[in-house]
PDB file of N, CA and C in Angstrom:
ATOM      1  N   MET A   1     -75.791  56.440 133.212  1.00  0.00           N
ATOM      2  CA  MET A   1     -76.701  56.992 132.236  1.00  0.00           C
ATOM      3  C   MET A   1     -77.746  55.937 131.865  1.00  0.00           C
ATOM      4  N   PRO A   2     -79.002  56.348 131.771  1.00  0.00           N
ATOM      5  CA  PRO A   2     -80.033  55.381 131.360  1.00  0.00           C
ATOM      6  C   PRO A   2     -79.899  55.067 129.871  1.00  0.00           C
ATOM      7  N   ARG A   3     -80.419  53.903 129.518  1.00  0.00           N
ATOM      8  CA  ARG A   3     -80.452  53.545 128.099  1.00  0.00           C
ATOM      9  C   ARG A   3     -81.295  54.568 127.348  1.00  0.00           C
ATOM     10  N   PHE A   4     -81.093  54.633 126.040  1.00  0.00           N
ATOM     11  CA  PHE A   4     -81.789  55.621 125.220  1.00  0.00           C
ATOM     12  C   PHE A   4     -83.308  55.481 125.341  1.00  0.00           C
ATOM     13  N   GLY A   5     -83.807  54.270 125.261  1.00  0.00           N
ATOM     14  CA  GLY A   5     -85.254  54.042 125.345  1.00  0.00           C
ATOM     15  C   GLY A   5     -85.829  54.480 126.680  1.00  0.00           C
ATOM     16  N   LEU A   6     -85.102  54.191 127.750  1.00  0.00           N
ATOM     17  CA  LEU A   6     -85.552  54.604 129.076  1.00  0.00           C
ATOM     18  C   LEU A   6     -85.529  56.119 129.212  1.00  0.00           C
ATOM     19  N   ALA A   7     -84.497  56.764 128.675  1.00  0.00           N
ATOM     20  CA  ALA A   7     -84.401  58.225 128.729  1.00  0.00           C
ATOM     21  C   ALA A   7     -85.554  58.881 127.966  1.00  0.00           C
ATOM     22  N   VAL A   8     -85.869  58.354 126.809  1.00  0.00           N
ATOM     23  CA  VAL A   8     -86.999  58.891 126.030  1.00  0.00           C
ATOM     24  C   VAL A   8     -88.302  58.686 126.788  1.00  0.00           C
ATOM     25  N   GLY A   9     -88.461  57.517 127.396  1.00  0.00           N
ATOM     26  CA  GLY A   9     -89.659  57.257 128.194  1.00  0.00           C
ATOM     27  C   GLY A   9     -89.793  58.226 129.354  1.00  0.00           C
ATOM     28  N   GLN A  10     -88.688  58.515 130.043  1.00  0.00           N
ATOM     29  CA  GLN A  10     -88.723  59.470 131.152  1.00  0.00           C
ATOM     30  C   GLN A  10     -89.085  60.871 130.675  1.00  0.00           C
ATOM     31  N   ILE A  11     -88.569  61.262 129.541  1.00  0.00           N
ATOM     32  CA  ILE A  11     -88.905  62.574 128.978  1.00  0.00           C
ATOM     33  C   ILE A  11     -90.388  62.644 128.633  1.00  0.00           C
ATOM     34  N   LEU A  12     -90.914  61.574 128.042  1.00  0.00           N
ATOM     35  CA  LEU A  12     -92.331  61.561 127.677  1.00  0.00           C
ATOM     36  C   LEU A  12     -93.234  61.582 128.910  1.00  0.00           C
ATOM     37  N   VAL A  13     -92.896  60.810 129.920  1.00  0.00           N
ATOM     38  CA  VAL A  13     -93.710  60.785 131.142  1.00  0.00           C
ATOM     39  C   VAL A  13     -93.637  62.133 131.855  1.00  0.00           C
ATOM     40  N   GLY A  14     -92.445  62.723 131.934  1.00  0.00           N
ATOM     41  CA  GLY A  14     -92.294  64.038 132.563  1.00  0.00           C
ATOM     42  C   GLY A  14     -93.064  65.116 131.819  1.00  0.00           C
ATOM     43  N   SER A  15     -93.022  65.069 130.508  1.00  0.00           N
ATOM     44  CA  SER A  15     -93.765  66.051 129.695  1.00  0.00           C
ATOM     45  C   SER A  15     -95.265  65.869 129.862  1.00  0.00           C
ATOM     46  N   ALA A  16     -95.721  64.630 129.872  1.00  0.00           N
ATOM     47  CA  ALA A  16     -97.156  64.368 130.067  1.00  0.00           C
ATOM     48  C   ALA A  16     -97.600  64.841 131.446  1.00  0.00           C
ATOM     49  N   ASP A  17     -96.770  64.615 132.468  1.00  0.00           N
ATOM     50  CA  ASP A  17     -97.095  65.077 133.814  1.00  0.00           C
ATOM     51  C   ASP A  17     -97.234  66.599 133.844  1.00  0.00           C
ATOM     52  N   THR A  18     -96.304  67.302 133.233  1.00  0.00           N
ATOM     53  CA  THR A  18     -96.362  68.765 133.208  1.00  0.00           C
ATOM     54  C   THR A  18     -97.600  69.253 132.465  1.00  0.00           C
ATOM     55  N   LEU A  19     -97.923  68.612 131.354  1.00  0.00           N
ATOM     56  CA  LEU A  19     -99.119  69.015 130.601  1.00  0.00           C
ATOM     57  C   LEU A  19    -100.397  68.756 131.396  1.00  0.00           C
ATOM     58  N   LEU A  20    -100.452  67.645 132.113  1.00  0.00           N
ATOM     59  CA  LEU A  20    -101.649  67.344 132.909  1.00  0.00           C
ATOM     60  C   LEU A  20    -101.774  68.264 134.121  1.00  0.00           C
ATOM     61  N   VAL A  21    -100.660  68.576 134.777  1.00  0.00           N
ATOM     62  CA  VAL A  21    -100.707  69.515 135.899  1.00  0.00           C
ATOM     63  C   VAL A  21    -101.124  70.895 135.393  1.00  0.00           C
ATOM     64  N   SER A  22    -100.622  71.281 134.225  1.00  0.00           N
ATOM     65  CA  SER A  22    -101.037  72.551 133.620  1.00  0.00           C
ATOM     66  C   SER A  22    -102.528  72.538 133.303  1.00  0.00           C
ATOM     67  N   ALA A  23    -103.052  71.381 132.905  1.00  0.00           N
ATOM     68  CA  ALA A  23    -104.491  71.271 132.630  1.00  0.00           C
ATOM     69  C   ALA A  23    -105.306  71.457 133.906  1.00  0.00           C
ATOM     70  N   VAL A  24    -104.823  70.906 135.022  1.00  0.00           N
ATOM     71  CA  VAL A  24    -105.515  71.110 136.304  1.00  0.00           C
ATOM     72  C   VAL A  24    -105.513  72.596 136.661  1.00  0.00           C
ATOM     73  N   LEU A  25    -104.356  73.231 136.531  1.00  0.00           N
ATOM     74  CA  LEU A  25    -104.268  74.666 136.813  1.00  0.00           C
ATOM     75  C   LEU A  25    -105.170  75.464 135.876  1.00  0.00           C
ATOM     76  N   HIS A  26    -105.209  75.076 134.610  1.00  0.00           N
ATOM     77  CA  HIS A  26    -106.071  75.782 133.646  1.00  0.00           C
ATOM     78  C   HIS A  26    -107.540  75.656 134.033  1.00  0.00           C
ATOM     79  N   GLN A  27    -107.952  74.472 134.465  1.00  0.00           N
ATOM     80  CA  GLN A  27    -109.350  74.299 134.873  1.00  0.00           C
ATOM     81  C   GLN A  27    -109.677  75.148 136.093  1.00  0.00           C
ATOM     82  N   MET A  28    -108.733  75.265 137.014  1.00  0.00           N
ATOM     83  CA  MET A  28    -108.950  76.115 138.183  1.00  0.00           C
ATOM     84  C   MET A  28    -109.050  77.583 137.772  1.00  0.00           C
ATOM     85  N   VAL A  29    -108.168  78.004 136.887  1.00  0.00           N
ATOM     86  CA  VAL A  29    -108.133  79.409 136.463  1.00  0.00           C
ATOM     87  C   VAL A  29    -109.327  79.741 135.575  1.00  0.00           C
ATOM     88  N   SER A  30    -109.785  78.793 134.771  1.00  0.00           N
ATOM     89  CA  SER A  30    -110.869  79.077 133.825  1.00  0.00           C
ATOM     90  C   SER A  30    -112.172  79.460 134.528  1.00  0.00           C
ATOM     91  N   ALA A  31    -112.308  79.098 135.797  1.00  0.00           N
ATOM     92  CA  ALA A  31    -113.487  79.519 136.550  1.00  0.00           C
ATOM     93  C   ALA A  31    -113.437  81.012 136.865  1.00  0.00           C
ATOM     94  N   ALA A  32    -112.229  81.571 136.954  1.00  0.00           N
ATOM     95  CA  ALA A  32    -112.079  82.978 137.314  1.00  0.00           C
ATOM     96  C   ALA A  32    -111.794  83.872 136.111  1.00  0.00           C
ATOM     97  N   ALA A  33    -111.151  83.345 135.093  1.00  0.00           N
ATOM     98  CA  ALA A  33    -110.760  84.163 133.945  1.00  0.00           C
ATOM     99  C   ALA A  33    -110.677  83.292 132.704  1.00  0.00           C
ATOM    100  N   ASP A  34    -110.879  83.935 131.553  1.00  0.00           N
ATOM    101  CA  ASP A  34    -110.792  83.227 130.279  1.00  0.00           C
ATOM    102  C   ASP A  34    -109.369  83.347 129.756  1.00  0.00           C
ATOM    103  N   VAL A  35    -108.535  82.386 130.121  1.00  0.00           N
ATOM    104  CA  VAL A  35    -107.130  82.391 129.734  1.00  0.00           C
ATOM    105  C   VAL A  35    -106.859  81.130 128.924  1.00  0.00           C
ATOM    106  N   PRO A  36    -106.186  81.250 127.770  1.00  0.00           N
ATOM    107  CA  PRO A  36    -105.907  80.052 126.962  1.00  0.00           C
ATOM    108  C   PRO A  36    -104.982  79.069 127.682  1.00  0.00           C
ATOM    109  N   TYR A  37    -105.142  77.791 127.354  1.00  0.00           N
ATOM    110  CA  TYR A  37    -104.345  76.733 127.977  1.00  0.00           C
ATOM    111  C   TYR A  37    -102.850  76.955 127.754  1.00  0.00           C
ATOM    112  N   VAL A  38    -102.474  77.384 126.567  1.00  0.00           N
ATOM    113  CA  VAL A  38    -101.052  77.569 126.256  1.00  0.00           C
ATOM    114  C   VAL A  38    -100.437  78.623 127.177  1.00  0.00           C
ATOM    115  N   ALA A  39    -101.178  79.680 127.480  1.00  0.00           N
ATOM    116  CA  ALA A  39    -100.663  80.715 128.389  1.00  0.00           C
ATOM    117  C   ALA A  39    -100.471  80.157 129.789  1.00  0.00           C
ATOM    118  N   ILE A  40    -101.413  79.355 130.241  1.00  0.00           N
ATOM    119  CA  ILE A  40    -101.302  78.763 131.575  1.00  0.00           C
ATOM    120  C   ILE A  40    -100.157  77.755 131.607  1.00  0.00           C
ATOM    121  N   ALA A  41    -100.034  76.921 130.578  1.00  0.00           N
ATOM    122  CA  ALA A  41     -98.953  75.934 130.543  1.00  0.00           C
ATOM    123  C   ALA A  41     -97.595  76.621 130.522  1.00  0.00           C
ATOM    124  N   THR A  42     -97.471  77.686 129.754  1.00  0.00           N
ATOM    125  CA  THR A  42     -96.219  78.440 129.705  1.00  0.00           C
ATOM    126  C   THR A  42     -95.898  79.048 131.060  1.00  0.00           C
ATOM    127  N   ALA A  43     -96.902  79.639 131.691  1.00  0.00           N
ATOM    128  CA  ALA A  43     -96.702  80.238 133.008  1.00  0.00           C
ATOM    129  C   ALA A  43     -96.322  79.178 134.033  1.00  0.00           C
ATOM    130  N   TYR A  44     -96.947  78.000 133.970  1.00  0.00           N
ATOM    131  CA  TYR A  44     -96.638  76.945 134.922  1.00  0.00           C
ATOM    132  C   TYR A  44     -95.213  76.432 134.736  1.00  0.00           C
ATOM    133  N   VAL A  45     -94.776  76.245 133.505  1.00  0.00           N
ATOM    134  CA  VAL A  45     -93.415  75.768 133.253  1.00  0.00           C
ATOM    135  C   VAL A  45     -92.401  76.798 133.748  1.00  0.00           C
ATOM    136  N   ALA A  46     -92.662  78.076 133.485  1.00  0.00           N
ATOM    137  CA  ALA A  46     -91.768  79.127 133.977  1.00  0.00           C
ATOM    138  C   ALA A  46     -91.769  79.167 135.507  1.00  0.00           C
ATOM    139  N   ALA A  47     -92.938  78.999 136.113  1.00  0.00           N
ATOM    140  CA  ALA A  47     -93.038  79.005 137.570  1.00  0.00           C
ATOM    141  C   ALA A  47     -92.312  77.807 138.164  1.00  0.00           C
ATOM    142  N   ASN A  48     -92.416  76.664 137.526  1.00  0.00           N
ATOM    143  CA  ASN A  48     -91.717  75.470 137.997  1.00  0.00           C
ATOM    144  C   ASN A  48     -90.205  75.674 137.919  1.00  0.00           C
ATOM    145  N   ALA A  49     -89.724  76.260 136.829  1.00  0.00           N
ATOM    146  CA  ALA A  49     -88.293  76.533 136.688  1.00  0.00           C
ATOM    147  C   ALA A  49     -87.829  77.524 137.754  1.00  0.00           C
ATOM    148  N   ALA A  50     -88.648  78.537 138.026  1.00  0.00           N
ATOM    149  CA  ALA A  50     -88.296  79.515 139.053  1.00  0.00           C
ATOM    150  C   ALA A  50     -88.259  78.883 140.439  1.00  0.00           C
ATOM    151  N   SER A  51     -89.186  77.989 140.708  1.00  0.00           N
ATOM    152  CA  SER A  51     -89.193  77.352 142.029  1.00  0.00           C
ATOM    153  C   SER A  51     -87.993  76.429 142.202  1.00  0.00           C
ATOM    154  N   VAL A  52     -87.545  75.785 141.140  1.00  0.00           N
ATOM    155  CA  VAL A  52     -86.335  74.969 141.218  1.00  0.00           C
ATOM    156  C   VAL A  52     -85.120  75.865 141.449  1.00  0.00           C
ATOM    157  N   ALA A  53     -85.075  77.008 140.775  1.00  0.00           N
ATOM    158  CA  ALA A  53     -83.938  77.920 140.913  1.00  0.00           C
ATOM    159  C   ALA A  53     -83.865  78.542 142.308  1.00  0.00           C
ATOM    160  N   THR A  54     -85.016  78.770 142.946  1.00  0.00           N
ATOM    161  CA  THR A  54     -85.009  79.409 144.261  1.00  0.00           C
ATOM    162  C   THR A  54     -84.819  78.421 145.404  1.00  0.00           C
ATOM    163  N   HIS A  55     -84.981  77.140 145.163  1.00  0.00           N
ATOM    164  CA  HIS A  55     -84.851  76.090 146.185  1.00  0.00           C
ATOM    165  C   HIS A  55     -85.877  76.242 147.314  1.00  0.00           C
ATOM    166  N   VAL A  56     -87.003  76.890 147.037  1.00  0.00           N
ATOM    167  CA  VAL A  56     -88.062  77.004 148.034  1.00  0.00           C
ATOM    168  C   VAL A  56     -88.831  75.685 148.046  1.00  0.00           C
ATOM    169  N   PRO A  57     -89.021  75.081 149.225  1.00  0.00           N
ATOM    170  CA  PRO A  57     -89.728  73.799 149.279  1.00  0.00           C
ATOM    171  C   PRO A  57     -91.134  73.887 148.672  1.00  0.00           C
ATOM    172  N   GLY A  58     -91.383  73.064 147.685  1.00  0.00           N
ATOM    173  CA  GLY A  58     -92.678  73.034 147.026  1.00  0.00           C
ATOM    174  C   GLY A  58     -92.969  74.276 146.191  1.00  0.00           C
ATOM    175  N   GLY A  59     -91.979  75.137 146.037  1.00  0.00           N
ATOM    176  CA  GLY A  59     -92.199  76.371 145.289  1.00  0.00           C
ATOM    177  C   GLY A  59     -93.242  77.260 145.931  1.00  0.00           C
ATOM    178  N   LEU A  60     -93.406  77.147 147.243  1.00  0.00           N
ATOM    179  CA  LEU A  60     -94.452  77.856 147.966  1.00  0.00           C
ATOM    180  C   LEU A  60     -94.302  79.371 147.802  1.00  0.00           C
ATOM    181  N   GLY A  61     -95.245  79.962 147.159  1.00  0.00           N
ATOM    182  CA  GLY A  61     -95.234  81.388 146.910  1.00  0.00           C
ATOM    183  C   GLY A  61     -94.584  81.760 145.594  1.00  0.00           C
ATOM    184  N   VAL A  62     -93.588  80.994 145.180  1.00  0.00           N
ATOM    185  CA  VAL A  62     -92.884  81.282 143.933  1.00  0.00           C
ATOM    186  C   VAL A  62     -93.787  80.988 142.746  1.00  0.00           C
ATOM    187  N   VAL A  63     -94.422  79.822 142.758  1.00  0.00           N
ATOM    188  CA  VAL A  63     -95.313  79.446 141.660  1.00  0.00           C
ATOM    189  C   VAL A  63     -96.440  80.469 141.537  1.00  0.00           C
ATOM    190  N   GLU A  64     -97.019  80.836 142.662  1.00  0.00           N
ATOM    191  CA  GLU A  64     -98.125  81.786 142.645  1.00  0.00           C
ATOM    192  C   GLU A  64     -97.678  83.141 142.080  1.00  0.00           C
ATOM    193  N   LEU A  65     -96.518  83.625 142.551  1.00  0.00           N
ATOM    194  CA  LEU A  65     -96.015  84.917 142.095  1.00  0.00           C
ATOM    195  C   LEU A  65     -95.762  84.916 140.598  1.00  0.00           C
ATOM    196  N   VAL A  66     -95.121  83.872 140.096  1.00  0.00           N
ATOM    197  CA  VAL A  66     -94.802  83.817 138.667  1.00  0.00           C
ATOM    198  C   VAL A  66     -96.073  83.703 137.830  1.00  0.00           C
ATOM    199  N   VAL A  67     -97.009  82.861 138.241  1.00  0.00           N
ATOM    200  CA  VAL A  67     -98.246  82.705 137.464  1.00  0.00           C
ATOM    201  C   VAL A  67     -99.042  84.009 137.459  1.00  0.00           C
ATOM    202  N   ILE A  68     -99.154  84.652 138.611  1.00  0.00           N
ATOM    203  CA  ILE A  68     -99.882  85.926 138.670  1.00  0.00           C
ATOM    204  C   ILE A  68     -99.190  86.980 137.812  1.00  0.00           C
ATOM    205  N   SER A  69     -97.855  86.964 137.797  1.00  0.00           N
ATOM    206  CA  SER A  69     -97.108  87.931 136.991  1.00  0.00           C
ATOM    207  C   SER A  69     -97.255  87.674 135.495  1.00  0.00           C
ATOM    208  N   LEU A  70     -97.322  86.416 135.104  1.00  0.00           N
ATOM    209  CA  LEU A  70     -97.380  86.083 133.676  1.00  0.00           C
ATOM    210  C   LEU A  70     -98.790  86.020 133.107  1.00  0.00           C
ATOM    211  N   VAL A  71     -99.799  86.023 133.963  1.00  0.00           N
ATOM    212  CA  VAL A  71    -101.185  86.023 133.497  1.00  0.00           C
ATOM    213  C   VAL A  71    -101.814  87.337 133.969  1.00  0.00           C
ATOM    214  N   PRO A  72    -101.546  88.421 133.242  1.00  0.00           N
ATOM    215  CA  PRO A  72    -101.993  89.739 133.708  1.00  0.00           C
ATOM    216  C   PRO A  72    -103.504  89.921 133.589  1.00  0.00           C
ATOM    217  N   GLY A  73    -104.033  90.720 134.473  1.00  0.00           N
ATOM    218  CA  GLY A  73    -105.438  91.085 134.406  1.00  0.00           C
ATOM    219  C   GLY A  73    -106.398  90.046 134.947  1.00  0.00           C
ATOM    220  N   ALA A  74    -105.890  88.905 135.334  1.00  0.00           N
ATOM    221  CA  ALA A  74    -106.765  87.854 135.847  1.00  0.00           C
ATOM    222  C   ALA A  74    -106.633  87.798 137.364  1.00  0.00           C
ATOM    223  N   HIS A  75    -107.745  87.787 138.043  1.00  0.00           N
ATOM    224  CA  HIS A  75    -107.762  87.672 139.496  1.00  0.00           C
ATOM    225  C   HIS A  75    -107.867  86.192 139.832  1.00  0.00           C
ATOM    226  N   ILE A  76    -106.716  85.565 139.946  1.00  0.00           N
ATOM    227  CA  ILE A  76    -106.690  84.105 140.027  1.00  0.00           C
ATOM    228  C   ILE A  76    -106.084  83.582 141.324  1.00  0.00           C
ATOM    229  N   VAL A  77    -106.018  84.410 142.343  1.00  0.00           N
ATOM    230  CA  VAL A  77    -105.418  83.960 143.600  1.00  0.00           C
ATOM    231  C   VAL A  77    -106.196  82.777 144.172  1.00  0.00           C
ATOM    232  N   GLY A  78    -107.517  82.860 144.151  1.00  0.00           N
ATOM    233  CA  GLY A  78    -108.338  81.756 144.651  1.00  0.00           C
ATOM    234  C   GLY A  78    -108.125  80.487 143.852  1.00  0.00           C
ATOM    235  N   ALA A  79    -107.971  80.625 142.540  1.00  0.00           N
ATOM    236  CA  ALA A  79    -107.716  79.461 141.696  1.00  0.00           C
ATOM    237  C   ALA A  79    -106.370  78.830 142.039  1.00  0.00           C
ATOM    238  N   LEU A  80    -105.377  79.651 142.353  1.00  0.00           N
ATOM    239  CA  LEU A  80    -104.066  79.121 142.718  1.00  0.00           C
ATOM    240  C   LEU A  80    -104.101  78.424 144.074  1.00  0.00           C
ATOM    241  N   ILE A  81    -104.905  78.937 144.994  1.00  0.00           N
ATOM    242  CA  ILE A  81    -105.061  78.267 146.283  1.00  0.00           C
ATOM    243  C   ILE A  81    -105.760  76.918 146.092  1.00  0.00           C
ATOM    244  N   GLY A  82    -106.784  76.893 145.254  1.00  0.00           N
ATOM    245  CA  GLY A  82    -107.452  75.628 144.939  1.00  0.00           C
ATOM    246  C   GLY A  82    -106.514  74.650 144.251  1.00  0.00           C
ATOM    247  N   PHE A  83    -105.669  75.155 143.368  1.00  0.00           N
ATOM    248  CA  PHE A  83    -104.677  74.311 142.691  1.00  0.00           C
ATOM    249  C   PHE A  83    -103.729  73.688 143.701  1.00  0.00           C
ATOM    250  N   ARG A  84    -103.265  74.478 144.653  1.00  0.00           N
ATOM    251  CA  ARG A  84    -102.382  73.946 145.704  1.00  0.00           C
ATOM    252  C   ARG A  84    -103.086  72.837 146.480  1.00  0.00           C
ATOM    253  N   ALA A  85    -104.354  73.051 146.774  1.00  0.00           N
ATOM    254  CA  ALA A  85    -105.106  72.040 147.530  1.00  0.00           C
ATOM    255  C   ALA A  85    -105.216  70.742 146.738  1.00  0.00           C
ATOM    256  N   VAL A  86    -105.512  70.845 145.460  1.00  0.00           N
ATOM    257  CA  VAL A  86    -105.666  69.643 144.627  1.00  0.00           C
ATOM    258  C   VAL A  86    -104.318  68.975 144.374  1.00  0.00           C
ATOM    259  N   TYR A  87    -103.293  69.759 144.121  1.00  0.00           N
ATOM    260  CA  TYR A  87    -102.014  69.198 143.702  1.00  0.00           C
ATOM    261  C   TYR A  87    -101.147  68.735 144.868  1.00  0.00           C
ATOM    262  N   TYR A  88    -101.296  69.371 146.037  1.00  0.00           N
ATOM    263  CA  TYR A  88    -100.455  69.007 147.179  1.00  0.00           C
ATOM    264  C   TYR A  88    -101.242  68.380 148.330  1.00  0.00           C
ATOM    265  N   LEU A  89    -102.307  69.026 148.756  1.00  0.00           N
ATOM    266  CA  LEU A  89    -103.008  68.568 149.954  1.00  0.00           C
ATOM    267  C   LEU A  89    -103.826  67.304 149.731  1.00  0.00           C
ATOM    268  N   LEU A  90    -104.494  67.183 148.596  1.00  0.00           N
ATOM    269  CA  LEU A  90    -105.287  65.986 148.314  1.00  0.00           C
ATOM    270  C   LEU A  90    -104.411  64.727 148.256  1.00  0.00           C
ATOM    271  N   PRO A  91    -103.301  64.733 147.509  1.00  0.00           N
ATOM    272  CA  PRO A  91    -102.449  63.537 147.535  1.00  0.00           C
ATOM    273  C   PRO A  91    -101.856  63.271 148.925  1.00  0.00           C
ATOM    274  N   PHE A  92    -101.556  64.322 149.674  1.00  0.00           N
ATOM    275  CA  PHE A  92    -101.040  64.142 151.027  1.00  0.00           C
ATOM    276  C   PHE A  92    -102.074  63.466 151.912  1.00  0.00           C
ATOM    277  N   ALA A  93    -103.324  63.901 151.818  1.00  0.00           N
ATOM    278  CA  ALA A  93    -104.388  63.296 152.617  1.00  0.00           C
ATOM    279  C   ALA A  93    -104.617  61.843 152.218  1.00  0.00           C
ATOM    280  N   ILE A  94    -104.592  61.555 150.930  1.00  0.00           N
ATOM    281  CA  ILE A  94    -104.752  60.179 150.463  1.00  0.00           C
ATOM    282  C   ILE A  94    -103.592  59.318 150.966  1.00  0.00           C
ATOM    283  N   GLY A  95    -102.380  59.840 150.899  1.00  0.00           N
ATOM    284  CA  GLY A  95    -101.219  59.106 151.383  1.00  0.00           C
ATOM    285  C   GLY A  95    -101.280  58.846 152.882  1.00  0.00           C
ATOM    286  N   CYS A  96    -101.727  59.836 153.642  1.00  0.00           N
ATOM    287  CA  CYS A  96    -101.863  59.640 155.096  1.00  0.00           C
ATOM    288  C   CYS A  96    -102.908  58.576 155.402  1.00  0.00           C
ATOM    289  N   GLY A  97    -104.005  58.605 154.683  1.00  0.00           N
ATOM    290  CA  GLY A  97    -105.032  57.578 154.879  1.00  0.00           C
ATOM    291  C   GLY A  97    -104.530  56.195 154.522  1.00  0.00           C
ATOM    292  N   ALA A  98    -103.814  56.090 153.414  1.00  0.00           N
ATOM    293  CA  ALA A  98    -103.266  54.802 152.996  1.00  0.00           C
ATOM    294  C   ALA A  98    -102.234  54.294 154.012  1.00  0.00           C
ATOM    295  N   LEU A  99    -101.414  55.190 154.537  1.00  0.00           N
ATOM    296  CA  LEU A  99    -100.440  54.808 155.555  1.00  0.00           C
ATOM    297  C   LEU A  99    -101.131  54.317 156.817  1.00  0.00           C
ATOM    298  N   ALA A 100    -102.176  55.021 157.233  1.00  0.00           N
ATOM    299  CA  ALA A 100    -102.903  54.617 158.443  1.00  0.00           C
ATOM    300  C   ALA A 100    -103.531  53.237 158.272  1.00  0.00           C
ATOM    301  N   VAL A 101    -104.148  52.994 157.132  1.00  0.00           N
ATOM    302  CA  VAL A 101    -104.768  51.683 156.875  1.00  0.00           C
ATOM    303  C   VAL A 101    -103.706  50.600 156.838  1.00  0.00           C
ATOM    304  N   THR A 102    -102.591  50.855 156.169  1.00  0.00           N
ATOM    305  CA  THR A 102    -101.516  49.880 156.090  1.00  0.00           C
ATOM    306  C   THR A 102    -100.957  49.559 157.467  1.00  0.00           C
ATOM    307  N   GLU A 103    -100.742  50.576 158.273  1.00  0.00           N
ATOM    308  CA  GLU A 103    -100.211  50.349 159.626  1.00  0.00           C
ATOM    309  C   GLU A 103    -101.201  49.582 160.496  1.00  0.00           C
ATOM    310  N   LEU A 104    -102.471  49.890 160.397  1.00  0.00           N
ATOM    311  CA  LEU A 104    -103.475  49.159 161.163  1.00  0.00           C
ATOM    312  C   LEU A 104    -103.515  47.677 160.756  1.00  0.00           C
ATOM    313  N   LEU A 105    -103.486  47.427 159.474  1.00  0.00           N
ATOM    314  CA  LEU A 105    -103.496  46.047 158.993  1.00  0.00           C
ATOM    315  C   LEU A 105    -102.233  45.296 159.422  1.00  0.00           C
ATOM    316  N   ARG A 106    -101.110  45.976 159.386  1.00  0.00           N
ATOM    317  CA  ARG A 106     -99.846  45.342 159.804  1.00  0.00           C
ATOM    318  C   ARG A 106     -99.849  45.004 161.279  1.00  0.00           C
ATOM    319  N   ARG A 107    -100.362  45.911 162.084  1.00  0.00           N
ATOM    320  CA  ARG A 107    -100.380  45.679 163.523  1.00  0.00           C
ATOM    321  C   ARG A 107    -101.351  44.567 163.903  1.00  0.00           C
ATOM    322  N   ARG A 108    -102.455  44.465 163.189  1.00  0.00           N
ATOM    323  CA  ARG A 108    -103.426  43.396 163.481  1.00  0.00           C
ATOM    324  C   ARG A 108    -102.873  42.018 163.121  1.00  0.00           C
ATOM    325  N   SER A 109    -102.146  41.946 162.005  1.00  0.00           N
ATOM    326  CA  SER A 109    -101.639  40.645 161.558  1.00  0.00           C
ATOM    327  C   SER A 109    -100.331  40.273 162.275  1.00  0.00           C
ATOM    328  N   GLY A 110     -99.642  41.238 162.823  1.00  0.00           N
ATOM    329  CA  GLY A 110     -98.343  40.939 163.421  1.00  0.00           C
ATOM    330  C   GLY A 110     -98.422  40.885 164.890  1.00  0.00           C
TER     331      GLY A 110
END
């Protein structure tokens, strides 16, 4: 078990991460529909819980289904695709680039 201070720190960092990811999703959705941040954050937390319960890798399709179900009347499929690109594909591309640079530098020096 982590110490109390470390456990509180992990809870705070995890909560901040969820709030910031919800903010990214809200910005994507706000281009398509006028939905309050609290509704998007609630939908994202529920979608995240559903994706953990289903064991689908990356919650692929689960997050989208839950968010679309909980945010009625909004045509936000494009916003969810953009969210996936920003949240998954952009960090993946940055990581691949960083790995390639690191490997090139290692091979040159070794």
